[in-house]
Amino acid sequence: MRSTRITTLPRASAPFHDRRGRRLSGLAAASAVALTTLVNGSTMAASGDSQALLDVVDAVSPAVVSIDVTSSISNAMSQRDFGYQPLPQMQGNGSGVIIDPDGLVLTNRHVAGDATTVTVTTADGRTYPGTTVGVDTLTDFAFVRIDATGLPTAPVGDSSDLQVGQMTIAMGDPLGELPGSVTSGIVSGLDRTIAVTDSMGLAGTTLRHLIQTDAPINPGNSGGPLLNGDGRVIGIDTAEAGMATGIGFALPIDLAKPIIEQVRAGQPIERPWIGIAYQRIDAQVAADGSLPVDAGAWVQAPVAGESAVVAGSPAATAGLRDGDIITALDGQSVDAQHQLDLLLLQHAPGDNVSLDVLRDGQAMTLDVTLGTRPDAV
């Protein structure tokens, strides 16, 4: 699987005056008019889908929020000759979507994960202080809660059966100046992997299983919903290809479902962990490695001379070794449609799973008790 190097959508850096009804500068106003014209033009061009689009906008837009944050440039303190001084605060903007009527908002980690203050503005203009109540270090999800009840919500859909060419609708607050903006497009690709090169503490992070879309996604859209033609949330907008147009990425909503339930229950976000590095096997990998199967997970370290099995991990305790090939988990074959990490994410820490393993051509079964993924992994 090739990994594309991408810059995540930065939080809009609030270059203008307050976007809540107060006057913009001439440049900002011109930009707003130009982008609004582009969005409206794109919407009108899709005349065949215009009624479906209007229905989705009418149903879901009340649940899309704008998020304003401040965060420290660093968590550290700067040492100066006259003592310690707090480093300056940085302002930014993003989007989010209400998933519970009692004020639970799903957004991006790079929007709210490191925020010292959070302000959420709903579609009807009400403003609430927010609290970041969950951050997923595996992906780019974060959760913000506001003190409100009876809020409109967006229905959560299913991202497991998406098809290339399917209609997509992106909603959010591009540039932190245009709340309620809507763009549309299609699913351009699935199961994309991107290496984040910079932006809001995610440098060096690899994001996997992303939805690629050509629906225009801009800075400030981060954390906003990507919808299907039925108005259900299928993803959360997270990244764009800075050197190209029409290439945006969203985290599939199915990756968020287990942790949504944890946050709803007031629990800390925990992901299952097995403790191995592995390579996905396809026909080319099988041929190159002279492997006996053309699908599965090959336990192999990315760096020669290192072990792919973390010492003391659940995998080590269960007896997994370098060079093993995992062919199934709880009877489900590991293949391109059922990848090992996605199968594991259907479980919780503490669950017992059964792995079918090939070792030196011999089949065996290993039982593994899943651990909790460390934040530093």
Protein backbone atom coordinates (compact mmCIF):
# COMPACT_ATOMS: atom_id res chain seq x y z
CA MET A 1 0.00 0.00 0.00
CA ARG A 2 1.54 3.27 -1.10
CA SER A 3 1.37 6.17 1.31
CA THR A 4 0.66 9.61 -0.11
CA ARG A 5 2.22 12.56 1.70
CA ILE A 6 -0.49 15.09 2.43
CA THR A 7 -0.93 18.18 4.56
CA THR A 8 -3.99 18.01 6.82
CA LEU A 9 -6.46 20.84 6.58
CA PRO A 10 -5.15 23.56 8.86
CA ARG A 11 -7.55 25.19 11.23
CA ALA A 12 -8.44 28.47 9.61
CA SER A 13 -6.15 30.94 11.33
CA ALA A 14 -8.74 33.67 11.84
CA PRO A 15 -7.17 36.29 9.54
CA PHE A 16 -10.32 38.41 9.57
CA HIS A 17 -12.49 40.14 12.12
CA ASP A 18 -15.18 38.31 14.04
CA ARG A 19 -17.24 36.25 11.61
CA ARG A 20 -20.45 36.49 13.63
CA GLY A 21 -22.09 39.39 11.88
CA ARG A 22 -19.33 41.93 12.32
CA ARG A 23 -17.82 43.59 9.33
CA LEU A 24 -15.07 41.84 7.34
CA SER A 25 -12.10 43.56 5.79
CA GLY A 26 -12.30 44.34 2.10
CA LEU A 27 -10.11 41.38 1.14
CA ALA A 28 -12.02 38.97 3.37
CA ALA A 29 -15.35 40.21 2.04
CA ALA A 30 -14.17 39.76 -1.53
CA SER A 31 -12.95 36.25 -0.75
CA ALA A 32 -16.25 35.40 0.90
CA VAL A 33 -18.24 36.61 -2.11
CA ALA A 34 -16.00 34.72 -4.54
CA LEU A 35 -16.18 31.44 -2.60
CA THR A 36 -19.92 31.73 -2.04
CA THR A 37 -20.40 32.24 -5.77
CA LEU A 38 -18.26 29.17 -6.47
CA VAL A 39 -20.20 27.03 -4.00
CA ASN A 40 -23.57 28.19 -5.30
CA GLY A 41 -22.47 27.70 -8.87
CA SER A 42 -21.32 24.15 -8.12
CA THR A 43 -24.64 23.38 -6.47
CA MET A 44 -26.69 24.71 -9.35
CA ALA A 45 -24.60 22.78 -11.88
CA ALA A 46 -25.72 19.50 -10.36
CA SER A 47 -29.29 20.08 -11.51
CA GLY A 48 -30.13 16.37 -11.62
CA ASP A 49 -29.35 16.04 -7.94
CA SER A 50 -30.52 19.48 -6.89
CA GLN A 51 -33.66 18.39 -5.03
CA ALA A 52 -31.82 15.61 -3.20
CA LEU A 53 -29.12 18.10 -2.27
CA LEU A 54 -31.66 20.63 -1.05
CA ASP A 55 -33.35 17.98 1.08
CA VAL A 56 -30.03 16.97 2.67
CA VAL A 57 -29.04 20.57 3.36
CA ASP A 58 -32.42 21.31 4.93
CA ALA A 59 -32.23 18.24 7.17
CA VAL A 60 -28.58 18.27 8.24
CA SER A 61 -27.35 21.88 8.21
CA PRO A 62 -28.94 22.68 11.61
CA ALA A 63 -26.58 20.06 13.14
CA VAL A 64 -23.36 21.50 11.64
CA VAL A 65 -21.44 23.82 13.94
CA SER A 66 -18.49 26.20 13.79
CA ILE A 67 -15.72 25.74 16.34
CA ASP A 68 -13.37 28.53 17.46
CA VAL A 69 -10.37 27.55 19.54
CA THR A 70 -7.32 28.98 21.18
CA SER A 71 -4.30 26.83 21.93
CA SER A 72 -0.77 27.31 23.15
CA ILE A 73 1.90 27.19 20.47
CA SER A 74 3.66 24.82 22.84
CA ASN A 75 2.72 23.21 26.12
CA ALA A 76 6.08 24.27 27.46
CA MET A 77 7.08 27.63 28.93
CA SER A 78 9.67 29.82 27.29
CA GLN A 79 12.81 30.55 29.29
CA ARG A 80 13.88 34.18 29.15
CA ASP A 81 16.46 36.18 31.07
CA PHE A 82 13.76 37.61 33.31
CA GLY A 83 12.04 34.31 34.03
CA TYR A 84 9.38 32.03 32.62
CA GLN A 85 6.68 33.49 30.38
CA PRO A 86 3.70 31.72 28.83
CA LEU A 87 4.06 31.21 25.13
CA PRO A 88 1.50 33.09 23.01
CA GLN A 89 -1.92 31.68 22.24
CA MET A 90 -2.95 30.79 18.71
CA GLN A 91 -6.50 31.18 17.42
CA GLY A 92 -8.09 28.85 14.92
CA ASN A 93 -11.38 27.70 13.49
CA GLY A 94 -12.90 24.43 12.39
CA SER A 95 -16.21 22.68 12.02
CA GLY A 96 -18.08 19.89 13.74
CA VAL A 97 -21.33 17.96 13.68
CA ILE A 98 -23.76 17.36 16.55
CA ILE A 99 -24.34 13.64 17.04
CA ASP A 100 -26.31 13.73 20.31
CA PRO A 101 -29.09 16.18 21.21
CA ASP A 102 -27.50 16.77 24.62
CA GLY A 103 -24.53 18.54 23.09
CA LEU A 104 -21.98 15.96 21.90
CA VAL A 105 -20.07 17.22 18.87
CA LEU A 106 -17.77 15.13 16.66
CA THR A 107 -14.84 16.98 15.10
CA ASN A 108 -11.11 16.59 14.34
CA ARG A 109 -8.27 16.09 16.79
CA HIS A 110 -6.25 18.74 14.96
CA VAL A 111 -9.12 21.19 15.54
CA ALA A 112 -9.88 20.68 19.24
CA GLY A 113 -7.41 18.13 20.58
CA ASP A 114 -4.92 20.66 21.94
CA ALA A 115 -7.32 23.54 22.55
CA THR A 116 -7.16 25.54 25.77
CA THR A 117 -10.53 27.18 25.04
CA VAL A 118 -13.32 26.01 22.74
CA THR A 119 -16.32 28.00 21.55
CA VAL A 120 -19.07 26.31 19.55
CA THR A 121 -21.52 28.29 17.42
CA THR A 122 -24.62 26.47 16.22
CA ALA A 123 -26.33 27.03 12.89
CA ASP A 124 -28.91 29.33 14.48
CA GLY A 125 -26.18 31.61 15.87
CA ARG A 126 -26.16 30.52 19.49
CA THR A 127 -22.70 30.36 21.08
CA TYR A 128 -21.61 27.91 23.79
CA PRO A 129 -18.35 27.29 25.64
CA GLY A 130 -17.16 23.80 24.84
CA THR A 131 -15.00 21.19 26.51
CA THR A 132 -12.90 18.61 24.69
CA VAL A 133 -14.05 15.34 26.23
CA GLY A 134 -12.26 12.81 24.07
CA VAL A 135 -9.26 12.63 21.74
CA ASP A 136 -8.48 9.61 19.58
CA THR A 137 -4.73 9.26 19.11
CA LEU A 138 -5.21 6.47 16.54
CA THR A 139 -7.01 8.73 14.07
CA ASP A 140 -7.93 12.41 13.83
CA PHE A 141 -11.21 12.28 15.76
CA ALA A 142 -12.05 14.40 18.79
CA PHE A 143 -15.21 15.09 20.75
CA VAL A 144 -16.45 18.37 22.21
CA ARG A 145 -19.36 18.71 24.61
CA ILE A 146 -21.51 21.80 25.12
CA ASP A 147 -24.08 22.40 27.86
CA ALA A 148 -27.28 22.24 25.85
CA THR A 149 -30.24 19.92 25.26
CA GLY A 150 -32.72 19.35 22.48
CA LEU A 151 -30.19 20.12 19.76
CA PRO A 152 -30.66 18.96 16.16
CA THR A 153 -28.46 16.00 15.21
CA ALA A 154 -27.10 14.48 12.03
CA PRO A 155 -27.84 10.78 11.46
CA VAL A 156 -24.77 8.55 11.50
CA GLY A 157 -24.49 6.39 8.40
CA ASP A 158 -22.42 3.41 7.27
CA SER A 159 -19.08 3.80 5.51
CA SER A 160 -18.43 0.09 4.99
CA ASP A 161 -20.38 -0.22 1.75
CA LEU A 162 -19.30 2.97 -0.03
CA GLN A 163 -18.61 2.79 -3.75
CA VAL A 164 -16.44 4.94 -5.99
CA GLY A 165 -18.70 7.33 -7.87
CA GLN A 166 -21.23 7.65 -5.05
CA MET A 167 -22.50 11.17 -4.30
CA THR A 168 -20.89 13.08 -1.42
CA ILE A 169 -21.83 16.34 0.28
CA ALA A 170 -19.43 18.31 2.48
CA MET A 171 -20.68 20.86 5.00
CA GLY A 172 -18.83 23.22 7.31
CA ASP A 173 -17.31 26.64 7.85
CA PRO A 174 -14.53 27.15 5.27
CA LEU A 175 -11.94 29.79 6.16
CA GLY A 176 -13.74 30.26 9.47
CA GLU A 177 -15.79 32.96 7.71
CA LEU A 178 -18.53 31.14 5.79
CA PRO A 179 -20.65 29.05 8.17
CA GLY A 180 -23.27 26.85 6.56
CA SER A 181 -21.33 26.32 3.33
CA VAL A 182 -22.15 23.26 1.25
CA THR A 183 -20.21 21.58 -1.56
CA SER A 184 -20.91 18.35 -3.42
CA GLY A 185 -19.00 15.76 -5.40
CA ILE A 186 -18.40 12.04 -5.49
CA VAL A 187 -16.38 9.35 -3.75
CA SER A 188 -13.18 9.44 -5.80
CA GLY A 189 -11.37 6.63 -4.00
CA LEU A 190 -11.45 4.41 -0.93
CA ASP A 191 -8.98 3.01 1.59
CA ARG A 192 -6.44 5.77 1.02
CA THR A 193 -3.37 6.12 3.23
CA ILE A 194 -1.75 9.51 3.76
CA ALA A 195 1.34 10.59 5.68
CA VAL A 196 0.69 13.91 7.39
CA THR A 197 3.62 16.26 6.90
CA ASP A 198 2.56 19.12 9.16
CA SER A 199 -0.41 20.91 10.77
CA MET A 200 -1.50 21.15 14.36
CA GLY A 201 0.62 18.48 16.01
CA LEU A 202 -0.14 15.69 13.52
CA ALA A 203 3.24 15.81 11.76
CA GLY A 204 4.53 12.27 11.31
CA THR A 205 1.07 10.75 11.69
CA THR A 206 -0.18 8.24 9.15
CA LEU A 207 -3.94 8.19 8.55
CA ARG A 208 -5.40 5.06 6.97
CA HIS A 209 -8.61 3.86 5.34
CA LEU A 210 -9.58 7.38 4.26
CA ILE A 211 -12.36 8.32 1.86
CA GLN A 212 -11.14 10.41 -1.07
CA THR A 213 -13.61 12.92 -2.48
CA ASP A 214 -13.64 15.72 -5.03
CA ALA A 215 -16.20 17.71 -3.04
CA PRO A 216 -14.31 20.97 -2.35
CA ILE A 217 -12.88 20.92 1.19
CA ASN A 218 -11.07 23.99 2.48
CA PRO A 219 -9.30 25.12 5.67
CA GLY A 220 -12.01 25.58 8.29
CA ASN A 221 -13.96 22.57 6.96
CA SER A 222 -11.89 20.34 9.25
CA GLY A 223 -14.22 18.34 11.47
CA GLY A 224 -17.28 18.95 9.33
CA PRO A 225 -19.41 16.06 8.06
CA LEU A 226 -19.12 14.29 4.74
CA LEU A 227 -22.58 13.00 3.84
CA ASN A 228 -24.04 10.55 1.39
CA GLY A 229 -27.01 11.30 -0.83
CA ASP A 230 -29.39 10.25 1.95
CA GLY A 231 -27.97 12.88 4.31
CA ARG A 232 -26.19 10.44 6.60
CA VAL A 233 -22.72 11.09 7.95
CA ILE A 234 -20.26 8.78 6.21
CA GLY A 235 -17.09 10.63 7.18
CA ILE A 236 -15.44 13.58 8.89
CA ASP A 237 -13.44 15.96 6.67
CA THR A 238 -9.79 15.99 7.68
CA ALA A 239 -7.26 16.65 4.89
CA GLU A 240 -6.62 18.07 1.46
CA ALA A 241 -3.89 17.63 -1.14
CA GLY A 242 -2.19 21.01 -1.01
CA MET A 243 -0.48 20.64 -4.40
CA ALA A 244 -3.63 19.60 -6.27
CA THR A 245 -7.28 20.50 -6.64
CA GLY A 246 -10.27 18.22 -6.21
CA ILE A 247 -8.50 15.87 -3.81
CA GLY A 248 -9.81 15.85 -0.27
CA PHE A 249 -9.96 13.18 2.42
CA ALA A 250 -12.38 12.22 5.17
CA LEU A 251 -12.13 9.75 8.02
CA PRO A 252 -14.77 7.03 7.55
CA ILE A 253 -17.48 7.21 10.18
CA ASP A 254 -17.25 3.50 10.97
CA LEU A 255 -13.85 4.14 12.58
CA ALA A 256 -15.57 6.48 15.03
CA LYS A 257 -18.48 4.26 16.04
CA PRO A 258 -16.79 2.30 18.85
CA ILE A 259 -15.39 5.42 20.49
CA ILE A 260 -18.66 7.33 20.10
CA GLU A 261 -20.21 4.79 22.42
CA GLN A 262 -17.32 5.14 24.88
CA VAL A 263 -17.68 8.92 25.01
CA ARG A 264 -21.45 8.68 25.37
CA ALA A 265 -20.91 6.43 28.38
CA GLY A 266 -18.46 8.88 29.93
CA GLN A 267 -15.54 6.49 29.46
CA PRO A 268 -12.03 7.36 28.27
CA ILE A 269 -11.31 6.58 24.64
CA GLU A 270 -9.55 3.21 24.41
CA ARG A 271 -8.57 1.32 21.29
CA PRO A 272 -7.66 -2.39 21.19
CA TRP A 273 -4.00 -3.30 20.72
CA ILE A 274 -2.23 -6.47 19.72
CA GLY A 275 1.35 -5.20 19.53
CA ILE A 276 2.73 -6.16 16.12
CA ALA A 277 3.97 -4.55 12.95
CA TYR A 278 2.83 -6.26 9.78
CA GLN A 279 2.60 -5.97 6.04
CA ARG A 280 -0.64 -6.50 4.17
CA ILE A 281 -0.24 -9.38 1.74
CA ASP A 282 -1.39 -9.02 -1.84
CA ALA A 283 -0.35 -10.90 -4.98
CA GLN A 284 2.79 -8.77 -5.44
CA VAL A 285 3.92 -9.06 -1.82
CA ALA A 286 3.31 -12.81 -1.94
CA ALA A 287 5.39 -13.15 -5.08
CA ASP A 288 8.22 -10.97 -3.78
CA GLY A 289 8.35 -12.82 -0.46
CA SER A 290 7.70 -16.32 -1.86
CA LEU A 291 4.77 -16.59 0.54
CA PRO A 292 2.37 -19.56 0.50
CA VAL A 293 -0.75 -17.32 0.47
CA ASP A 294 -1.74 -14.15 -1.41
CA ALA A 295 -3.80 -12.57 1.38
CA GLY A 296 -3.31 -12.02 5.09
CA ALA A 297 -1.09 -10.07 7.48
CA TRP A 298 2.65 -10.86 7.41
CA VAL A 299 4.26 -10.16 10.80
CA GLN A 300 7.28 -8.21 9.68
CA ALA A 301 9.14 -5.17 11.03
CA PRO A 302 9.48 -2.14 8.74
CA VAL A 303 13.16 -1.83 9.73
CA ALA A 304 15.54 -4.73 9.16
CA GLY A 305 17.01 -6.15 12.33
CA GLU A 306 14.10 -5.10 14.55
CA SER A 307 11.37 -7.35 15.89
CA ALA A 308 7.83 -6.91 14.61
CA VAL A 309 6.43 -8.19 17.91
CA VAL A 310 6.50 -5.69 20.77
CA ALA A 311 8.03 -7.17 23.89
CA GLY A 312 5.43 -7.74 26.60
CA SER A 313 2.54 -7.07 24.20
CA PRO A 314 -0.57 -9.25 23.86
CA ALA A 315 0.93 -10.71 20.67
CA ALA A 316 4.15 -11.65 22.48
CA THR A 317 2.21 -13.23 25.34
CA ALA A 318 0.15 -15.28 22.86
CA GLY A 319 3.30 -16.53 21.12
CA LEU A 320 3.21 -14.67 17.80
CA ARG A 321 6.61 -14.51 16.10
CA ASP A 322 8.32 -12.57 13.35
CA GLY A 323 7.50 -14.13 9.98
CA ASP A 324 4.11 -15.50 11.04
CA ILE A 325 1.22 -14.96 8.64
CA ILE A 326 -2.18 -14.19 10.17
CA THR A 327 -4.84 -15.55 7.82
CA ALA A 328 -8.01 -15.14 9.89
CA LEU A 329 -9.39 -13.55 13.05
CA ASP A 330 -12.28 -15.33 14.79
CA GLY A 331 -12.88 -17.26 11.59
CA GLN A 332 -13.02 -14.18 9.34
CA SER A 333 -10.41 -14.32 6.58
CA VAL A 334 -7.91 -11.47 6.57
CA ASP A 335 -7.91 -10.03 3.06
CA ALA A 336 -8.30 -6.77 1.13
CA GLN A 337 -11.95 -6.46 2.18
CA HIS A 338 -11.32 -7.54 5.78
CA GLN A 339 -8.04 -6.00 6.87
CA LEU A 340 -6.54 -7.02 10.18
CA ASP A 341 -6.58 -3.58 11.81
CA LEU A 342 -10.23 -3.05 10.88
CA LEU A 343 -11.20 -6.46 12.24
CA LEU A 344 -9.41 -5.66 15.49
CA LEU A 345 -11.18 -2.29 15.78
CA GLN A 346 -14.50 -4.14 16.06
CA HIS A 347 -13.32 -5.36 19.46
CA ALA A 348 -12.58 -3.72 22.80
CA PRO A 349 -9.54 -3.97 25.05
CA GLY A 350 -9.82 -7.15 27.12
CA ASP A 351 -11.63 -9.12 24.42
CA ASN A 352 -10.29 -12.57 23.55
CA VAL A 353 -9.77 -13.27 19.86
CA SER A 354 -8.59 -16.31 17.94
CA LEU A 355 -5.95 -15.96 15.23
CA ASP A 356 -5.36 -18.49 12.46
CA VAL A 357 -1.62 -18.42 11.78
CA LEU A 358 0.75 -19.95 9.26
CA ARG A 359 4.26 -20.52 10.59
CA ASP A 360 6.83 -22.13 8.31
CA GLY A 361 3.98 -23.66 6.34
CA GLN A 362 2.27 -25.11 9.41
CA ALA A 363 -1.24 -23.97 10.42
CA MET A 364 -1.96 -23.17 14.05
CA THR A 365 -4.40 -21.21 16.17
CA LEU A 366 -3.35 -18.67 18.79
CA ASP A 367 -5.64 -17.06 21.35
CA VAL A 368 -4.92 -13.41 22.13
CA THR A 369 -6.32 -11.16 24.86
CA LEU A 370 -6.33 -7.67 23.40
CA GLY A 371 -4.67 -4.87 25.32
CA THR A 372 -5.21 -1.10 25.31
CA ARG A 373 -3.38 0.84 22.63
CA PRO A 374 -0.73 3.11 24.18
CA ASP A 375 -1.03 6.77 23.24
CA ALA A 376 2.54 6.85 21.99
CA VAL A 377 2.07 4.08 19.41
